[in-house]
Amino acid sequence: MTPLYDFRSDTVTRPDAAMRAAMAEAEVGDAVYDDCPTTIRLESLAAERLGKAAALFFPSGTQSNLAALMVHCARGDEYIVGQMAHTYRNEGGGAAVLGSIQPQPLPNEADGTIALAAIAAAIKPDDFHYARTRLLALEDTFNGLALPDAYLQEATALARSRGLACHLDGARMMNAAVATGRDPAWIAGQFDTVSLCLSKGLGAPVGSILAGSRDQIEAARRLRKMLGGGMRQSGILAAAGIHALERNIDRLAEDHARAQRLAAILARYPQLGAGPARTNMVFMTPKGIDTRAFLDALAAQGIAVGGYDTLRWVTHLDLDDTALTAVAQVCEAFFASERAA
């Protein structure tokens, strides 16, 4: 049963009436033949927004990231990535299994960065004993944190000075752009390729964009077909992506504001161990309470939260202030019963 207030992720968003109407009215062709006009329009719009020469529509962010890694790395090559990064930890090992690419995971710092010294030390010398280090892959936002402007510049400059390409898993990069006030094209401009998810905070039901140079995107087109991502009348889905890019970027600020209010509600109860809002996310590690009982109390009122020992709340366009009121009421009742016990 679908929760009434679903804080598990911003992937749970559902198309609103206007987006569904755009999908229903979409002009379609066959996107594998590259003659679906709505898909072509989405790709052109995304490339323009990201300041890249070209873009390609993928079924998922996992597939667009994998295609990017395979564009930059041949079999036996290596990419540098954060130990907790999505492309390393949460994409089924696809780079190794399907791309024969060796990951070199490095620790993520508390702010989501990877230490520059660690990156430099991990780049292998030109010696046949070692895998060839070809790529630095970063993630923005990282657990809701927008990577600092200076770091983006310094990390990518370091990589390029050592002959590496740079890829951004920008699944939530529009959250980073809104939070920092940066033009998305400026963030994307630090990288050779960028993956942008349309089905998270932007609210589309399916899909991700990979943007880069024309040659990179043509290579990715071949890889997308190889990976089973070629779609036919994808204009129906692309129309939702266009709607998302045209209408749902600026409103991400509302999600960030609600996350701040949510963090303030949770902070009233120190036992919840809630941290500050990170764009549209709030993390908490309860201590001294029965976490299962707390989650059951939330679920009884139709509230769902993600995570295990550390819990993650994610605000998105399907949650309004009523959801925050419901959370506040459950917390108040739960801790009142705890005191009474």
C-alpha atoms as a PDB file:
ATOM      1  CA  MET A   1       0.000   0.000   0.000  1.00  0.00           C
ATOM      2  CA  THR A   2       1.361   3.413  -0.992  1.00  0.00           C
ATOM      3  CA  PRO A   3       2.161   5.559   2.064  1.00  0.00           C
ATOM      4  CA  LEU A   4       0.182   8.749   2.482  1.00  0.00           C
ATOM      5  CA  TYR A   5       3.379  10.714   3.147  1.00  0.00           C
ATOM      6  CA  ASP A   6       6.344   9.013   1.490  1.00  0.00           C
ATOM      7  CA  PHE A   7       9.700  10.413   2.654  1.00  0.00           C
ATOM      8  CA  ARG A   8      11.741   7.378   1.505  1.00  0.00           C
ATOM      9  CA  SER A   9      13.099   9.074  -1.623  1.00  0.00           C
ATOM     10  CA  ASP A  10      12.346  11.681  -4.254  1.00  0.00           C
ATOM     11  CA  THR A  11      12.101   8.788  -6.729  1.00  0.00           C
ATOM     12  CA  VAL A  12       8.547   8.121  -5.492  1.00  0.00           C
ATOM     13  CA  THR A  13       7.112  11.240  -7.139  1.00  0.00           C
ATOM     14  CA  ARG A  14       4.187  10.730  -9.473  1.00  0.00           C
ATOM     15  CA  PRO A  15       3.358  12.731 -12.614  1.00  0.00           C
ATOM     16  CA  ASP A  16       0.820  15.478 -11.942  1.00  0.00           C
ATOM     17  CA  ALA A  17      -2.098  16.222 -14.250  1.00  0.00           C
ATOM     18  CA  ALA A  18      -0.144  18.683 -16.395  1.00  0.00           C
ATOM     19  CA  MET A  19       2.721  16.244 -16.881  1.00  0.00           C
ATOM     20  CA  ARG A  20       0.313  13.417 -17.727  1.00  0.00           C
ATOM     21  CA  ALA A  21      -1.383  15.667 -20.294  1.00  0.00           C
ATOM     22  CA  ALA A  22       1.977  16.466 -21.892  1.00  0.00           C
ATOM     23  CA  MET A  23       2.740  12.742 -22.077  1.00  0.00           C
ATOM     24  CA  ALA A  24      -0.644  11.946 -23.611  1.00  0.00           C
ATOM     25  CA  GLU A  25      -0.204  14.598 -26.289  1.00  0.00           C
ATOM     26  CA  ALA A  26       3.429  13.835 -27.134  1.00  0.00           C
ATOM     27  CA  GLU A  27       4.364  13.460 -30.775  1.00  0.00           C
ATOM     28  CA  VAL A  28       6.307  10.221 -31.169  1.00  0.00           C
ATOM     29  CA  GLY A  29       8.539   8.431 -33.629  1.00  0.00           C
ATOM     30  CA  ASP A  30      11.115   5.673 -33.283  1.00  0.00           C
ATOM     31  CA  ALA A  31      13.945   6.896 -31.063  1.00  0.00           C
ATOM     32  CA  VAL A  32      16.300   4.064 -32.050  1.00  0.00           C
ATOM     33  CA  TYR A  33      16.135   5.511 -35.585  1.00  0.00           C
ATOM     34  CA  ASP A  34      16.565   8.935 -33.958  1.00  0.00           C
ATOM     35  CA  ASP A  35      13.337  10.223 -35.450  1.00  0.00           C
ATOM     36  CA  CYS A  36      11.209  10.713 -32.331  1.00  0.00           C
ATOM     37  CA  PRO A  37      10.687  14.492 -32.327  1.00  0.00           C
ATOM     38  CA  THR A  38       9.812  14.792 -28.640  1.00  0.00           C
ATOM     39  CA  THR A  39      12.862  12.785 -27.588  1.00  0.00           C
ATOM     40  CA  ILE A  40      15.059  14.927 -29.836  1.00  0.00           C
ATOM     41  CA  ARG A  41      13.543  18.047 -28.272  1.00  0.00           C
ATOM     42  CA  LEU A  42      14.267  16.772 -24.750  1.00  0.00           C
ATOM     43  CA  GLU A  43      17.866  15.975 -25.648  1.00  0.00           C
ATOM     44  CA  SER A  44      18.366  19.406 -27.211  1.00  0.00           C
ATOM     45  CA  LEU A  45      16.809  21.144 -24.207  1.00  0.00           C
ATOM     46  CA  ALA A  46      18.932  19.157 -21.749  1.00  0.00           C
ATOM     47  CA  ALA A  47      22.138  19.847 -23.696  1.00  0.00           C
ATOM     48  CA  GLU A  48      21.311  23.564 -23.685  1.00  0.00           C
ATOM     49  CA  ARG A  49      20.542  23.634 -19.943  1.00  0.00           C
ATOM     50  CA  LEU A  50      23.788  21.784 -19.177  1.00  0.00           C
ATOM     51  CA  GLY A  51      25.927  23.774 -21.595  1.00  0.00           C
ATOM     52  CA  LYS A  52      26.970  20.695 -23.561  1.00  0.00           C
ATOM     53  CA  ALA A  53      27.090  20.022 -27.289  1.00  0.00           C
ATOM     54  CA  ALA A  54      24.791  17.002 -27.135  1.00  0.00           C
ATOM     55  CA  ALA A  55      22.703  14.835 -24.832  1.00  0.00           C
ATOM     56  CA  LEU A  56      21.083  11.412 -24.886  1.00  0.00           C
ATOM     57  CA  PHE A  57      17.957  10.081 -23.134  1.00  0.00           C
ATOM     58  CA  PHE A  58      18.440   6.890 -21.088  1.00  0.00           C
ATOM     59  CA  PRO A  59      15.926   4.719 -19.223  1.00  0.00           C
ATOM     60  CA  SER A  60      17.818   5.116 -15.942  1.00  0.00           C
ATOM     61  CA  GLY A  61      20.649   6.913 -14.193  1.00  0.00           C
ATOM     62  CA  THR A  62      22.404   3.613 -13.568  1.00  0.00           C
ATOM     63  CA  GLN A  63      22.555   3.013 -17.312  1.00  0.00           C
ATOM     64  CA  SER A  64      23.593   6.564 -18.204  1.00  0.00           C
ATOM     65  CA  ASN A  65      26.400   6.440 -15.627  1.00  0.00           C
ATOM     66  CA  LEU A  66      27.573   3.071 -16.897  1.00  0.00           C
ATOM     67  CA  ALA A  67      27.583   4.285 -20.499  1.00  0.00           C
ATOM     68  CA  ALA A  68      29.628   7.310 -19.454  1.00  0.00           C
ATOM     69  CA  LEU A  69      32.185   5.142 -17.662  1.00  0.00           C
ATOM     70  CA  MET A  70      32.436   2.940 -20.743  1.00  0.00           C
ATOM     71  CA  VAL A  71      32.882   5.975 -23.002  1.00  0.00           C
ATOM     72  CA  HIS A  72      35.884   7.079 -20.964  1.00  0.00           C
ATOM     73  CA  CYS A  73      37.387   3.720 -19.993  1.00  0.00           C
ATOM     74  CA  ALA A  74      38.333   0.666 -22.029  1.00  0.00           C
ATOM     75  CA  ARG A  75      38.494  -2.880 -20.653  1.00  0.00           C
ATOM     76  CA  GLY A  76      41.089  -3.072 -17.909  1.00  0.00           C
ATOM     77  CA  ASP A  77      41.138   0.690 -17.333  1.00  0.00           C
ATOM     78  CA  GLU A  78      40.425   2.220 -13.957  1.00  0.00           C
ATOM     79  CA  TYR A  79      38.246   4.992 -12.604  1.00  0.00           C
ATOM     80  CA  ILE A  80      38.633   6.832  -9.297  1.00  0.00           C
ATOM     81  CA  VAL A  81      35.425   7.123  -7.298  1.00  0.00           C
ATOM     82  CA  GLY A  82      34.201   7.723  -3.754  1.00  0.00           C
ATOM     83  CA  GLN A  83      33.832   4.700  -1.485  1.00  0.00           C
ATOM     84  CA  MET A  84      30.188   5.654  -0.827  1.00  0.00           C
ATOM     85  CA  ALA A  85      29.416   6.941  -4.332  1.00  0.00           C
ATOM     86  CA  HIS A  86      26.363   5.638  -6.140  1.00  0.00           C
ATOM     87  CA  THR A  87      28.301   4.520  -9.225  1.00  0.00           C
ATOM     88  CA  TYR A  88      30.505   2.322  -7.044  1.00  0.00           C
ATOM     89  CA  ARG A  89      28.184   1.206  -4.252  1.00  0.00           C
ATOM     90  CA  ASN A  90      24.641   1.189  -5.619  1.00  0.00           C
ATOM     91  CA  GLU A  91      24.775   0.279  -9.298  1.00  0.00           C
ATOM     92  CA  GLY A  92      25.294  -3.453  -9.062  1.00  0.00           C
ATOM     93  CA  GLY A  93      28.999  -3.395  -9.907  1.00  0.00           C
ATOM     94  CA  GLY A  94      28.083  -2.695 -13.519  1.00  0.00           C
ATOM     95  CA  ALA A  95      31.347  -0.937 -14.340  1.00  0.00           C
ATOM     96  CA  ALA A  96      33.295  -4.085 -13.445  1.00  0.00           C
ATOM     97  CA  VAL A  97      30.781  -6.684 -14.617  1.00  0.00           C
ATOM     98  CA  LEU A  98      29.682  -5.120 -17.906  1.00  0.00           C
ATOM     99  CA  GLY A  99      32.458  -2.648 -18.660  1.00  0.00           C
ATOM    100  CA  SER A 100      35.467  -4.621 -17.336  1.00  0.00           C
ATOM    101  CA  ILE A 101      36.479  -1.338 -15.682  1.00  0.00           C
ATOM    102  CA  GLN A 102      38.368  -1.476 -12.404  1.00  0.00           C
ATOM    103  CA  PRO A 103      37.048   0.902  -9.723  1.00  0.00           C
ATOM    104  CA  GLN A 104      39.531   2.558  -7.392  1.00  0.00           C
ATOM    105  CA  PRO A 105      37.300   3.608  -4.456  1.00  0.00           C
ATOM    106  CA  LEU A 106      38.603   6.275  -2.079  1.00  0.00           C
ATOM    107  CA  PRO A 107      37.133   7.484   1.220  1.00  0.00           C
ATOM    108  CA  ASN A 108      34.554  10.252   1.045  1.00  0.00           C
ATOM    109  CA  GLU A 109      35.135  13.130   3.432  1.00  0.00           C
ATOM    110  CA  ALA A 110      32.314  14.372   5.661  1.00  0.00           C
ATOM    111  CA  ASP A 111      31.357  17.005   3.066  1.00  0.00           C
ATOM    112  CA  GLY A 112      31.123  14.440   0.265  1.00  0.00           C
ATOM    113  CA  THR A 113      34.439  15.346  -1.344  1.00  0.00           C
ATOM    114  CA  ILE A 114      37.404  13.064  -1.937  1.00  0.00           C
ATOM    115  CA  ALA A 115      40.668  14.467  -0.601  1.00  0.00           C
ATOM    116  CA  LEU A 116      42.778  15.898  -3.413  1.00  0.00           C
ATOM    117  CA  ALA A 117      45.895  14.254  -2.006  1.00  0.00           C
ATOM    118  CA  ALA A 118      44.125  10.886  -2.045  1.00  0.00           C
ATOM    119  CA  ILE A 119      43.127  11.376  -5.683  1.00  0.00           C
ATOM    120  CA  ALA A 120      46.659  12.304  -6.665  1.00  0.00           C
ATOM    121  CA  ALA A 121      48.127   9.315  -4.820  1.00  0.00           C
ATOM    122  CA  ALA A 122      45.658   6.895  -6.427  1.00  0.00           C
ATOM    123  CA  ILE A 123      46.550   7.783 -10.024  1.00  0.00           C
ATOM    124  CA  LYS A 124      48.688   4.931 -11.299  1.00  0.00           C
ATOM    125  CA  PRO A 125      52.021   5.500 -13.043  1.00  0.00           C
ATOM    126  CA  ASP A 126      52.365   4.580 -16.704  1.00  0.00           C
ATOM    127  CA  ASP A 127      53.577   1.058 -16.016  1.00  0.00           C
ATOM    128  CA  PHE A 128      52.174  -2.161 -17.474  1.00  0.00           C
ATOM    129  CA  HIS A 129      51.950  -3.628 -13.985  1.00  0.00           C
ATOM    130  CA  TYR A 130      49.049  -1.290 -13.232  1.00  0.00           C
ATOM    131  CA  ALA A 131      45.621  -0.604 -14.609  1.00  0.00           C
ATOM    132  CA  ARG A 132      45.528   2.655 -16.567  1.00  0.00           C
ATOM    133  CA  THR A 133      43.790   5.352 -14.543  1.00  0.00           C
ATOM    134  CA  ARG A 134      41.491   7.115 -16.993  1.00  0.00           C
ATOM    135  CA  LEU A 135      38.685   8.861 -15.137  1.00  0.00           C
ATOM    136  CA  LEU A 136      37.646  10.735 -12.000  1.00  0.00           C
ATOM    137  CA  ALA A 137      33.951  10.313 -11.158  1.00  0.00           C
ATOM    138  CA  LEU A 138      32.308  12.615  -8.610  1.00  0.00           C
ATOM    139  CA  GLU A 139      28.721  12.875  -7.331  1.00  0.00           C
ATOM    140  CA  ASP A 140      26.738  16.084  -6.719  1.00  0.00           C
ATOM    141  CA  THR A 141      24.708  16.290  -4.562  1.00  0.00           C
ATOM    142  CA  PHE A 142      26.294  13.682  -2.297  1.00  0.00           C
ATOM    143  CA  ASN A 143      23.924  12.492   0.432  1.00  0.00           C
ATOM    144  CA  GLY A 144      22.153  15.788  -0.064  1.00  0.00           C
ATOM    145  CA  LEU A 145      25.311  17.910   0.194  1.00  0.00           C
ATOM    146  CA  ALA A 146      26.238  20.233  -2.662  1.00  0.00           C
ATOM    147  CA  LEU A 147      29.954  19.941  -3.392  1.00  0.00           C
ATOM    148  CA  PRO A 148      31.787  23.274  -2.912  1.00  0.00           C
ATOM    149  CA  ASP A 149      32.476  25.334  -6.038  1.00  0.00           C
ATOM    150  CA  ALA A 150      36.199  25.518  -5.343  1.00  0.00           C
ATOM    151  CA  TYR A 151      36.424  21.763  -4.878  1.00  0.00           C
ATOM    152  CA  LEU A 152      34.742  21.055  -8.207  1.00  0.00           C
ATOM    153  CA  GLN A 153      37.314  23.251  -9.912  1.00  0.00           C
ATOM    154  CA  GLU A 154      40.312  21.928  -7.996  1.00  0.00           C
ATOM    155  CA  ALA A 155      39.443  18.233  -8.280  1.00  0.00           C
ATOM    156  CA  THR A 156      38.753  18.341 -12.003  1.00  0.00           C
ATOM    157  CA  ALA A 157      41.836  20.502 -12.643  1.00  0.00           C
ATOM    158  CA  LEU A 158      43.950  17.947 -10.782  1.00  0.00           C
ATOM    159  CA  ALA A 159      42.453  15.102 -12.796  1.00  0.00           C
ATOM    160  CA  ARG A 160      43.048  16.823 -16.117  1.00  0.00           C
ATOM    161  CA  SER A 161      46.600  17.767 -15.175  1.00  0.00           C
ATOM    162  CA  ARG A 162      47.260  14.035 -14.875  1.00  0.00           C
ATOM    163  CA  GLY A 163      45.517  13.141 -18.135  1.00  0.00           C
ATOM    164  CA  LEU A 164      42.200  11.952 -16.652  1.00  0.00           C
ATOM    165  CA  ALA A 165      38.718  12.697 -17.941  1.00  0.00           C
ATOM    166  CA  CYS A 166      35.984  13.773 -15.487  1.00  0.00           C
ATOM    167  CA  HIS A 167      32.426  12.480 -15.119  1.00  0.00           C
ATOM    168  CA  LEU A 168      29.720  13.803 -12.810  1.00  0.00           C
ATOM    169  CA  ASP A 169      26.978  11.604 -11.444  1.00  0.00           C
ATOM    170  CA  GLY A 170      24.674  14.585 -11.259  1.00  0.00           C
ATOM    171  CA  ALA A 171      21.517  12.657 -10.408  1.00  0.00           C
ATOM    172  CA  ARG A 172      20.497  15.554  -8.135  1.00  0.00           C
ATOM    173  CA  MET A 173      22.721  18.254  -9.588  1.00  0.00           C
ATOM    174  CA  MET A 174      19.718  20.544 -10.069  1.00  0.00           C
ATOM    175  CA  ASN A 175      19.310  20.465  -6.264  1.00  0.00           C
ATOM    176  CA  ALA A 176      22.950  21.505  -6.020  1.00  0.00           C
ATOM    177  CA  ALA A 177      22.433  24.298  -8.547  1.00  0.00           C
ATOM    178  CA  VAL A 178      19.386  25.660  -6.719  1.00  0.00           C
ATOM    179  CA  ALA A 179      21.089  25.404  -3.315  1.00  0.00           C
ATOM    180  CA  THR A 180      24.284  27.172  -4.421  1.00  0.00           C
ATOM    181  CA  GLY A 181      22.724  29.623  -6.857  1.00  0.00           C
ATOM    182  CA  ARG A 182      24.972  28.279  -9.589  1.00  0.00           C
ATOM    183  CA  ASP A 183      23.920  27.951 -13.231  1.00  0.00           C
ATOM    184  CA  PRO A 184      23.639  24.192 -13.903  1.00  0.00           C
ATOM    185  CA  ALA A 185      25.819  24.739 -16.965  1.00  0.00           C
ATOM    186  CA  TRP A 186      28.616  26.039 -14.718  1.00  0.00           C
ATOM    187  CA  ILE A 187      28.564  22.842 -12.635  1.00  0.00           C
ATOM    188  CA  ALA A 188      28.367  20.653 -15.742  1.00  0.00           C
ATOM    189  CA  GLY A 189      31.127  22.702 -17.341  1.00  0.00           C
ATOM    190  CA  GLN A 190      33.660  21.361 -14.859  1.00  0.00           C
ATOM    191  CA  PHE A 191      33.152  17.849 -16.286  1.00  0.00           C
ATOM    192  CA  ASP A 192      33.470  16.123 -19.633  1.00  0.00           C
ATOM    193  CA  THR A 193      30.227  14.190 -19.188  1.00  0.00           C
ATOM    194  CA  VAL A 194      27.283  14.629 -16.829  1.00  0.00           C
ATOM    195  CA  SER A 195      24.405  12.326 -15.928  1.00  0.00           C
ATOM    196  CA  LEU A 196      21.193  14.037 -14.776  1.00  0.00           C
ATOM    197  CA  CYS A 197      18.235  12.131 -13.348  1.00  0.00           C
ATOM    198  CA  LEU A 198      14.771  13.310 -14.418  1.00  0.00           C
ATOM    199  CA  SER A 199      12.840  10.953 -12.130  1.00  0.00           C
ATOM    200  CA  LYS A 200      13.970  12.222  -8.731  1.00  0.00           C
ATOM    201  CA  GLY A 201      13.170  15.738  -7.525  1.00  0.00           C
ATOM    202  CA  LEU A 202      12.301  16.880 -11.041  1.00  0.00           C
ATOM    203  CA  GLY A 203       9.303  14.567 -10.929  1.00  0.00           C
ATOM    204  CA  ALA A 204       9.363  12.635 -14.198  1.00  0.00           C
ATOM    205  CA  PRO A 205       8.308   8.978 -13.947  1.00  0.00           C
ATOM    206  CA  VAL A 206      11.317   7.540 -15.813  1.00  0.00           C
ATOM    207  CA  GLY A 207      14.579   8.574 -17.338  1.00  0.00           C
ATOM    208  CA  SER A 208      18.005  10.143 -17.169  1.00  0.00           C
ATOM    209  CA  ILE A 209      20.095  12.334 -19.437  1.00  0.00           C
ATOM    210  CA  LEU A 210      23.751  11.937 -20.355  1.00  0.00           C
ATOM    211  CA  ALA A 211      25.357  15.092 -21.745  1.00  0.00           C
ATOM    212  CA  GLY A 212      28.792  15.688 -23.231  1.00  0.00           C
ATOM    213  CA  SER A 213      30.564  16.343 -26.517  1.00  0.00           C
ATOM    214  CA  ARG A 214      29.035  15.145 -29.772  1.00  0.00           C
ATOM    215  CA  ASP A 215      31.638  12.402 -30.131  1.00  0.00           C
ATOM    216  CA  GLN A 216      31.072  11.218 -26.560  1.00  0.00           C
ATOM    217  CA  ILE A 217      27.315  11.120 -27.011  1.00  0.00           C
ATOM    218  CA  GLU A 218      27.588   9.215 -30.283  1.00  0.00           C
ATOM    219  CA  ALA A 219      29.782   6.659 -28.507  1.00  0.00           C
ATOM    220  CA  ALA A 220      27.195   6.540 -25.708  1.00  0.00           C
ATOM    221  CA  ARG A 221      24.427   5.960 -28.264  1.00  0.00           C
ATOM    222  CA  ARG A 222      26.135   2.753 -29.409  1.00  0.00           C
ATOM    223  CA  LEU A 223      26.662   1.700 -25.780  1.00  0.00           C
ATOM    224  CA  ARG A 224      23.038   2.431 -24.896  1.00  0.00           C
ATOM    225  CA  LYS A 225      21.915   0.028 -27.612  1.00  0.00           C
ATOM    226  CA  MET A 226      24.405  -2.585 -26.387  1.00  0.00           C
ATOM    227  CA  LEU A 227      23.125  -2.188 -22.813  1.00  0.00           C
ATOM    228  CA  GLY A 228      19.510  -2.648 -23.862  1.00  0.00           C
ATOM    229  CA  GLY A 229      18.529   0.978 -23.457  1.00  0.00           C
ATOM    230  CA  GLY A 230      17.329   1.672 -26.982  1.00  0.00           C
ATOM    231  CA  MET A 231      13.693   2.795 -26.799  1.00  0.00           C
ATOM    232  CA  ARG A 232      11.136   3.206 -29.537  1.00  0.00           C
ATOM    233  CA  GLN A 233       8.239   5.655 -28.963  1.00  0.00           C
ATOM    234  CA  SER A 234      10.097   7.218 -26.041  1.00  0.00           C
ATOM    235  CA  GLY A 235       8.567  10.615 -26.750  1.00  0.00           C
ATOM    236  CA  ILE A 236       5.807   9.737 -24.279  1.00  0.00           C
ATOM    237  CA  LEU A 237       8.433   9.595 -21.539  1.00  0.00           C
ATOM    238  CA  ALA A 238      10.530  12.400 -23.002  1.00  0.00           C
ATOM    239  CA  ALA A 239       7.526  14.731 -22.782  1.00  0.00           C
ATOM    240  CA  ALA A 240       7.549  14.211 -19.023  1.00  0.00           C
ATOM    241  CA  GLY A 241      11.259  15.071 -18.981  1.00  0.00           C
ATOM    242  CA  ILE A 242      10.652  18.285 -20.919  1.00  0.00           C
ATOM    243  CA  HIS A 243       7.888  19.242 -18.496  1.00  0.00           C
ATOM    244  CA  ALA A 244      10.243  18.540 -15.591  1.00  0.00           C
ATOM    245  CA  LEU A 245      13.093  20.657 -16.987  1.00  0.00           C
ATOM    246  CA  GLU A 246      10.809  23.545 -17.889  1.00  0.00           C
ATOM    247  CA  ARG A 247       8.715  23.664 -14.711  1.00  0.00           C
ATOM    248  CA  ASN A 248      10.278  21.751 -11.825  1.00  0.00           C
ATOM    249  CA  ILE A 249      13.801  23.103 -11.363  1.00  0.00           C
ATOM    250  CA  ASP A 250      13.121  26.372  -9.533  1.00  0.00           C
ATOM    251  CA  ARG A 251      10.548  24.715  -7.281  1.00  0.00           C
ATOM    252  CA  LEU A 252      13.277  22.510  -5.788  1.00  0.00           C
ATOM    253  CA  ALA A 253      13.823  25.443  -3.415  1.00  0.00           C
ATOM    254  CA  GLU A 254      10.469  24.532  -1.851  1.00  0.00           C
ATOM    255  CA  ASP A 255      11.752  21.027  -1.109  1.00  0.00           C
ATOM    256  CA  HIS A 256      14.867  22.493   0.498  1.00  0.00           C
ATOM    257  CA  ALA A 257      12.783  24.828   2.648  1.00  0.00           C
ATOM    258  CA  ARG A 258      10.555  21.956   3.779  1.00  0.00           C
ATOM    259  CA  ALA A 259      13.616  19.880   4.629  1.00  0.00           C
ATOM    260  CA  GLN A 260      14.806  22.717   6.866  1.00  0.00           C
ATOM    261  CA  ARG A 261      11.428  22.854   8.625  1.00  0.00           C
ATOM    262  CA  LEU A 262      11.423  19.068   8.961  1.00  0.00           C
ATOM    263  CA  ALA A 263      14.893  19.155  10.518  1.00  0.00           C
ATOM    264  CA  ALA A 264      13.670  21.721  13.035  1.00  0.00           C
ATOM    265  CA  ILE A 265      10.699  19.498  13.966  1.00  0.00           C
ATOM    266  CA  LEU A 266      12.917  16.447  14.484  1.00  0.00           C
ATOM    267  CA  ALA A 267      15.515  18.481  16.409  1.00  0.00           C
ATOM    268  CA  ARG A 268      12.959  19.071  19.194  1.00  0.00           C
ATOM    269  CA  TYR A 269      13.623  15.478  20.237  1.00  0.00           C
ATOM    270  CA  PRO A 270      17.374  14.899  20.796  1.00  0.00           C
ATOM    271  CA  GLN A 271      16.821  11.134  20.979  1.00  0.00           C
ATOM    272  CA  LEU A 272      16.138  11.139  17.237  1.00  0.00           C
ATOM    273  CA  GLY A 273      19.689  12.295  16.504  1.00  0.00           C
ATOM    274  CA  ALA A 274      18.579  14.423  13.566  1.00  0.00           C
ATOM    275  CA  GLY A 275      21.112  16.503  11.683  1.00  0.00           C
ATOM    276  CA  PRO A 276      20.562  19.695   9.701  1.00  0.00           C
ATOM    277  CA  ALA A 277      18.855  19.707   6.316  1.00  0.00           C
ATOM    278  CA  ARG A 278      21.054  18.880   3.340  1.00  0.00           C
ATOM    279  CA  THR A 279      19.215  20.346   0.341  1.00  0.00           C
ATOM    280  CA  ASN A 280      16.144  18.040   0.298  1.00  0.00           C
ATOM    281  CA  MET A 281      17.424  15.461   2.805  1.00  0.00           C
ATOM    282  CA  VAL A 282      17.530  15.049   6.573  1.00  0.00           C
ATOM    283  CA  PHE A 283      19.458  12.208   8.205  1.00  0.00           C
ATOM    284  CA  MET A 284      18.973  10.975  11.744  1.00  0.00           C
ATOM    285  CA  THR A 285      20.411   8.237  13.934  1.00  0.00           C
ATOM    286  CA  PRO A 286      18.059   7.543  16.872  1.00  0.00           C
ATOM    287  CA  LYS A 287      19.619   6.712  20.229  1.00  0.00           C
ATOM    288  CA  GLY A 288      17.960   5.657  23.458  1.00  0.00           C
ATOM    289  CA  ILE A 289      14.602   4.867  21.886  1.00  0.00           C
ATOM    290  CA  ASP A 290      12.997   1.873  20.231  1.00  0.00           C
ATOM    291  CA  THR A 291      13.551   2.818  16.602  1.00  0.00           C
ATOM    292  CA  ARG A 292      11.229   0.097  15.342  1.00  0.00           C
ATOM    293  CA  ALA A 293       8.436   1.390  17.572  1.00  0.00           C
ATOM    294  CA  PHE A 294       9.019   4.923  16.263  1.00  0.00           C
ATOM    295  CA  LEU A 295       8.873   3.751  12.646  1.00  0.00           C
ATOM    296  CA  ASP A 296       5.704   1.791  13.422  1.00  0.00           C
ATOM    297  CA  ALA A 297       4.145   4.924  14.920  1.00  0.00           C
ATOM    298  CA  LEU A 298       4.986   6.825  11.735  1.00  0.00           C
ATOM    299  CA  ALA A 299       3.665   4.030   9.526  1.00  0.00           C
ATOM    300  CA  ALA A 300       0.389   3.954  11.442  1.00  0.00           C
ATOM    301  CA  GLN A 301      -0.191   7.507  10.229  1.00  0.00           C
ATOM    302  CA  GLY A 302       0.868   6.730   6.674  1.00  0.00           C
ATOM    303  CA  ILE A 303       4.408   8.115   6.971  1.00  0.00           C
ATOM    304  CA  ALA A 304       7.294   6.163   5.395  1.00  0.00           C
ATOM    305  CA  VAL A 305      11.010   6.841   5.961  1.00  0.00           C
ATOM    306  CA  GLY A 306      14.028   5.164   4.348  1.00  0.00           C
ATOM    307  CA  GLY A 307      17.132   3.626   5.882  1.00  0.00           C
ATOM    308  CA  TYR A 308      18.128   1.314   8.705  1.00  0.00           C
ATOM    309  CA  ASP A 309      20.312   2.447  11.620  1.00  0.00           C
ATOM    310  CA  THR A 310      20.615   5.858  10.014  1.00  0.00           C
ATOM    311  CA  LEU A 311      17.268   7.015   8.657  1.00  0.00           C
ATOM    312  CA  ARG A 312      16.862   9.326   5.666  1.00  0.00           C
ATOM    313  CA  TRP A 313      13.982  11.727   5.083  1.00  0.00           C
ATOM    314  CA  VAL A 314      13.661  13.139   1.568  1.00  0.00           C
ATOM    315  CA  THR A 315      11.318  15.990   0.669  1.00  0.00           C
ATOM    316  CA  HIS A 316       9.885  16.272  -2.851  1.00  0.00           C
ATOM    317  CA  LEU A 317       7.045  17.688  -4.915  1.00  0.00           C
ATOM    318  CA  ASP A 318       4.490  15.150  -3.660  1.00  0.00           C
ATOM    319  CA  LEU A 319       4.916  16.337  -0.059  1.00  0.00           C
ATOM    320  CA  ASP A 320       3.376  19.570   1.213  1.00  0.00           C
ATOM    321  CA  ASP A 321       3.154  21.227   4.616  1.00  0.00           C
ATOM    322  CA  THR A 322       0.439  18.756   5.652  1.00  0.00           C
ATOM    323  CA  ALA A 323       3.119  16.054   5.667  1.00  0.00           C
ATOM    324  CA  LEU A 324       5.269  18.089   8.057  1.00  0.00           C
ATOM    325  CA  THR A 325       2.295  18.616  10.365  1.00  0.00           C
ATOM    326  CA  ALA A 326       1.689  14.858  10.406  1.00  0.00           C
ATOM    327  CA  VAL A 327       5.323  14.198  11.327  1.00  0.00           C
ATOM    328  CA  ALA A 328       5.173  16.765  14.133  1.00  0.00           C
ATOM    329  CA  GLN A 329       2.017  15.188  15.543  1.00  0.00           C
ATOM    330  CA  VAL A 330       3.461  11.662  15.495  1.00  0.00           C
ATOM    331  CA  CYS A 331       6.665  12.824  17.200  1.00  0.00           C
ATOM    332  CA  GLU A 332       4.746  14.663  19.887  1.00  0.00           C
ATOM    333  CA  ALA A 333       2.478  11.689  20.592  1.00  0.00           C
ATOM    334  CA  PHE A 334       5.340   9.173  20.525  1.00  0.00           C
ATOM    335  CA  PHE A 335       7.549  11.039  22.986  1.00  0.00           C
ATOM    336  CA  ALA A 336       4.587  11.869  25.212  1.00  0.00           C
ATOM    337  CA  SER A 337       3.890   8.137  25.517  1.00  0.00           C
ATOM    338  CA  GLU A 338       7.614   7.517  26.168  1.00  0.00           C
ATOM    339  CA  ARG A 339       7.569  10.011  29.065  1.00  0.00           C
ATOM    340  CA  ALA A 340       4.382   8.487  30.433  1.00  0.00           C
ATOM    341  CA  ALA A 341       5.968   5.042  30.372  1.00  0.00           C
END
